[in-house]
């Protein structure tokens, strides 16, 4: 897998971010985030795959990074998942509004955690 960057919140996850299976295979790209922002509850991700759109519940999202999402499911298991319910609410992060926030978070984590922000 390529360098996925620093860990981030689902709230700033951008559309079209690559999604990787537990087997390291690129499964697809983020099409949408399902969450209740007011209650801070992450429900899961809508993913565009070669097998069509799929919904992955939050329990199968192992990690979210600036440039990639890791699942605890293989590519084969994701292909067997249902298509997303288009009526369910989802949102798209506004990367321009969040870039400064991401930089501040990465700087603070870097000072506390001893790691450097790449890129």
C-alpha atoms as a PDB file:
ATOM      1  CA  UNK A   1       0.000   0.000   0.000  1.00  0.00           C
ATOM      2  CA  UNK A   2       1.180   3.530  -0.655  1.00  0.00           C
ATOM      3  CA  UNK A   3       1.800   6.106   2.085  1.00  0.00           C
ATOM      4  CA  UNK A   4      -1.680   7.008   3.271  1.00  0.00           C
ATOM      5  CA  UNK A   5      -0.641   9.996   5.377  1.00  0.00           C
ATOM      6  CA  UNK A   6      -1.728  10.927   8.877  1.00  0.00           C
ATOM      7  CA  UNK A   7      -4.820   9.509  10.572  1.00  0.00           C
ATOM      8  CA  UNK A   8      -7.894  11.737  10.207  1.00  0.00           C
ATOM      9  CA  UNK A   9     -11.523  11.873  11.289  1.00  0.00           C
ATOM     10  CA  UNK A  10     -14.370  10.637   9.132  1.00  0.00           C
ATOM     11  CA  UNK A  11     -15.611  14.239   9.239  1.00  0.00           C
ATOM     12  CA  UNK A  12     -12.845  15.401   6.897  1.00  0.00           C
ATOM     13  CA  UNK A  13     -12.557  12.297   4.709  1.00  0.00           C
ATOM     14  CA  UNK A  14     -12.649  13.428   1.095  1.00  0.00           C
ATOM     15  CA  UNK A  15     -14.647  11.998  -1.791  1.00  0.00           C
ATOM     16  CA  UNK A  16     -12.581   9.797  -4.118  1.00  0.00           C
ATOM     17  CA  UNK A  17     -10.073   8.728  -1.426  1.00  0.00           C
ATOM     18  CA  UNK A  18      -8.734   5.219  -2.210  1.00  0.00           C
ATOM     19  CA  UNK A  19     -10.084   2.311  -0.111  1.00  0.00           C
ATOM     20  CA  UNK A  20      -7.926  -0.756   0.598  1.00  0.00           C
ATOM     21  CA  UNK A  21      -9.009  -4.219   1.700  1.00  0.00           C
ATOM     22  CA  UNK A  22      -7.383  -6.267   4.442  1.00  0.00           C
ATOM     23  CA  UNK A  23      -5.551  -8.136   1.686  1.00  0.00           C
ATOM     24  CA  UNK A  24      -3.919  -4.878   0.504  1.00  0.00           C
ATOM     25  CA  UNK A  25      -5.970  -4.738  -2.706  1.00  0.00           C
ATOM     26  CA  UNK A  26      -7.402  -1.405  -3.817  1.00  0.00           C
ATOM     27  CA  UNK A  27     -11.144  -1.985  -3.523  1.00  0.00           C
ATOM     28  CA  UNK A  28     -12.417   1.341  -4.777  1.00  0.00           C
ATOM     29  CA  UNK A  29     -12.893   4.946  -3.768  1.00  0.00           C
ATOM     30  CA  UNK A  30     -14.944   6.778  -1.168  1.00  0.00           C
ATOM     31  CA  UNK A  31     -18.255   7.945  -2.635  1.00  0.00           C
ATOM     32  CA  UNK A  32     -19.786   9.223   0.597  1.00  0.00           C
ATOM     33  CA  UNK A  33     -19.691   9.178   4.383  1.00  0.00           C
ATOM     34  CA  UNK A  34     -22.723   8.083   6.421  1.00  0.00           C
ATOM     35  CA  UNK A  35     -22.860   9.753   9.820  1.00  0.00           C
ATOM     36  CA  UNK A  36     -24.948  11.715  12.274  1.00  0.00           C
ATOM     37  CA  UNK A  37     -22.676  14.726  12.714  1.00  0.00           C
ATOM     38  CA  UNK A  38     -24.738  16.226  15.540  1.00  0.00           C
ATOM     39  CA  UNK A  39     -24.408  13.047  17.617  1.00  0.00           C
ATOM     40  CA  UNK A  40     -20.860  12.320  16.323  1.00  0.00           C
ATOM     41  CA  UNK A  41     -21.845   8.839  15.173  1.00  0.00           C
ATOM     42  CA  UNK A  42     -20.007   7.347  12.197  1.00  0.00           C
ATOM     43  CA  UNK A  43     -22.234   4.814  10.408  1.00  0.00           C
ATOM     44  CA  UNK A  44     -19.987   3.803   7.508  1.00  0.00           C
ATOM     45  CA  UNK A  45     -18.871   4.527   3.949  1.00  0.00           C
ATOM     46  CA  UNK A  46     -20.363   4.375   0.500  1.00  0.00           C
ATOM     47  CA  UNK A  47     -17.662   3.026  -1.812  1.00  0.00           C
ATOM     48  CA  UNK A  48     -17.486   2.974  -5.608  1.00  0.00           C
ATOM     49  CA  UNK A  49     -16.004  -0.403  -6.608  1.00  0.00           C
ATOM     50  CA  UNK A  50     -15.518  -2.319  -9.852  1.00  0.00           C
ATOM     51  CA  UNK A  51     -18.501  -4.437  -8.738  1.00  0.00           C
ATOM     52  CA  UNK A  52     -20.696  -1.359  -8.301  1.00  0.00           C
ATOM     53  CA  UNK A  53     -21.464   0.811  -5.273  1.00  0.00           C
ATOM     54  CA  UNK A  54     -21.154  -0.845  -1.849  1.00  0.00           C
ATOM     55  CA  UNK A  55     -21.909   0.216   1.733  1.00  0.00           C
ATOM     56  CA  UNK A  56     -19.331  -0.673   4.401  1.00  0.00           C
ATOM     57  CA  UNK A  57     -20.421  -0.313   8.029  1.00  0.00           C
ATOM     58  CA  UNK A  58     -18.188   1.606  10.426  1.00  0.00           C
ATOM     59  CA  UNK A  59     -17.242  -1.574  12.299  1.00  0.00           C
ATOM     60  CA  UNK A  60     -15.312  -2.731   9.201  1.00  0.00           C
ATOM     61  CA  UNK A  61     -13.375   0.533   8.759  1.00  0.00           C
ATOM     62  CA  UNK A  62     -10.031  -0.231  10.403  1.00  0.00           C
ATOM     63  CA  UNK A  63      -8.360   3.160   9.778  1.00  0.00           C
ATOM     64  CA  UNK A  64      -8.962   6.460   8.007  1.00  0.00           C
ATOM     65  CA  UNK A  65      -5.988   8.447   6.730  1.00  0.00           C
ATOM     66  CA  UNK A  66      -5.481  11.573   4.624  1.00  0.00           C
ATOM     67  CA  UNK A  67      -4.894   9.549   1.461  1.00  0.00           C
ATOM     68  CA  UNK A  68      -6.460   6.167   2.140  1.00  0.00           C
ATOM     69  CA  UNK A  69      -8.993   4.108   4.069  1.00  0.00           C
ATOM     70  CA  UNK A  70      -8.200   0.617   5.373  1.00  0.00           C
ATOM     71  CA  UNK A  71     -10.919  -1.993   5.856  1.00  0.00           C
ATOM     72  CA  UNK A  72     -10.821  -5.218   7.847  1.00  0.00           C
ATOM     73  CA  UNK A  73     -12.555  -6.965   4.924  1.00  0.00           C
ATOM     74  CA  UNK A  74     -10.989  -8.563   1.854  1.00  0.00           C
ATOM     75  CA  UNK A  75     -11.852  -7.388  -1.659  1.00  0.00           C
ATOM     76  CA  UNK A  76     -13.948 -10.538  -2.090  1.00  0.00           C
ATOM     77  CA  UNK A  77     -15.955  -9.805   1.074  1.00  0.00           C
ATOM     78  CA  UNK A  78     -16.609  -6.203  -0.025  1.00  0.00           C
ATOM     79  CA  UNK A  79     -17.921  -7.411  -3.395  1.00  0.00           C
ATOM     80  CA  UNK A  80     -20.569  -9.407  -1.483  1.00  0.00           C
ATOM     81  CA  UNK A  81     -21.784  -6.374   0.491  1.00  0.00           C
ATOM     82  CA  UNK A  82     -25.069  -4.631  -0.355  1.00  0.00           C
ATOM     83  CA  UNK A  83     -25.361  -1.471  -2.395  1.00  0.00           C
ATOM     84  CA  UNK A  84     -25.864   1.694  -0.343  1.00  0.00           C
ATOM     85  CA  UNK A  85     -29.360   2.919   0.485  1.00  0.00           C
ATOM     86  CA  UNK A  86     -29.540   6.127  -1.537  1.00  0.00           C
ATOM     87  CA  UNK A  87     -32.236   7.510   0.780  1.00  0.00           C
ATOM     88  CA  UNK A  88     -29.969   7.388   3.838  1.00  0.00           C
ATOM     89  CA  UNK A  89     -28.310  10.697   4.736  1.00  0.00           C
ATOM     90  CA  UNK A  90     -24.665  11.164   3.840  1.00  0.00           C
ATOM     91  CA  UNK A  91     -22.296  14.108   3.572  1.00  0.00           C
ATOM     92  CA  UNK A  92     -19.235  15.208   1.670  1.00  0.00           C
ATOM     93  CA  UNK A  93     -16.317  16.848   3.459  1.00  0.00           C
ATOM     94  CA  UNK A  94     -15.280  20.286   2.229  1.00  0.00           C
ATOM     95  CA  UNK A  95     -11.522  19.885   1.949  1.00  0.00           C
ATOM     96  CA  UNK A  96     -10.872  23.611   1.506  1.00  0.00           C
ATOM     97  CA  UNK A  97     -12.654  24.388   4.772  1.00  0.00           C
ATOM     98  CA  UNK A  98     -10.795  21.669   6.669  1.00  0.00           C
ATOM     99  CA  UNK A  99      -7.218  21.979   5.356  1.00  0.00           C
ATOM    100  CA  UNK A 100      -6.144  24.395   8.117  1.00  0.00           C
ATOM    101  CA  UNK A 101      -7.757  22.205  10.761  1.00  0.00           C
ATOM    102  CA  UNK A 102      -5.959  19.124   9.422  1.00  0.00           C
ATOM    103  CA  UNK A 103      -2.622  20.929   9.509  1.00  0.00           C
ATOM    104  CA  UNK A 104      -3.176  22.045  13.122  1.00  0.00           C
ATOM    105  CA  UNK A 105      -4.209  18.538  14.200  1.00  0.00           C
ATOM    106  CA  UNK A 106      -1.227  16.950  12.451  1.00  0.00           C
ATOM    107  CA  UNK A 107       1.143  19.483  14.048  1.00  0.00           C
ATOM    108  CA  UNK A 108      -0.237  18.801  17.535  1.00  0.00           C
ATOM    109  CA  UNK A 109      -0.185  15.032  17.083  1.00  0.00           C
ATOM    110  CA  UNK A 110       3.325  15.268  15.722  1.00  0.00           C
ATOM    111  CA  UNK A 111       4.554  17.112  18.799  1.00  0.00           C
ATOM    112  CA  UNK A 112       2.814  14.713  21.177  1.00  0.00           C
ATOM    113  CA  UNK A 113       3.322  11.470  19.274  1.00  0.00           C
ATOM    114  CA  UNK A 114       6.830  11.998  17.923  1.00  0.00           C
ATOM    115  CA  UNK A 115       5.903  11.456  14.273  1.00  0.00           C
ATOM    116  CA  UNK A 116       6.329  13.768  11.318  1.00  0.00           C
ATOM    117  CA  UNK A 117       3.598  14.725   8.894  1.00  0.00           C
ATOM    118  CA  UNK A 118       4.463  13.590   5.379  1.00  0.00           C
ATOM    119  CA  UNK A 119       3.842  15.630   2.265  1.00  0.00           C
END
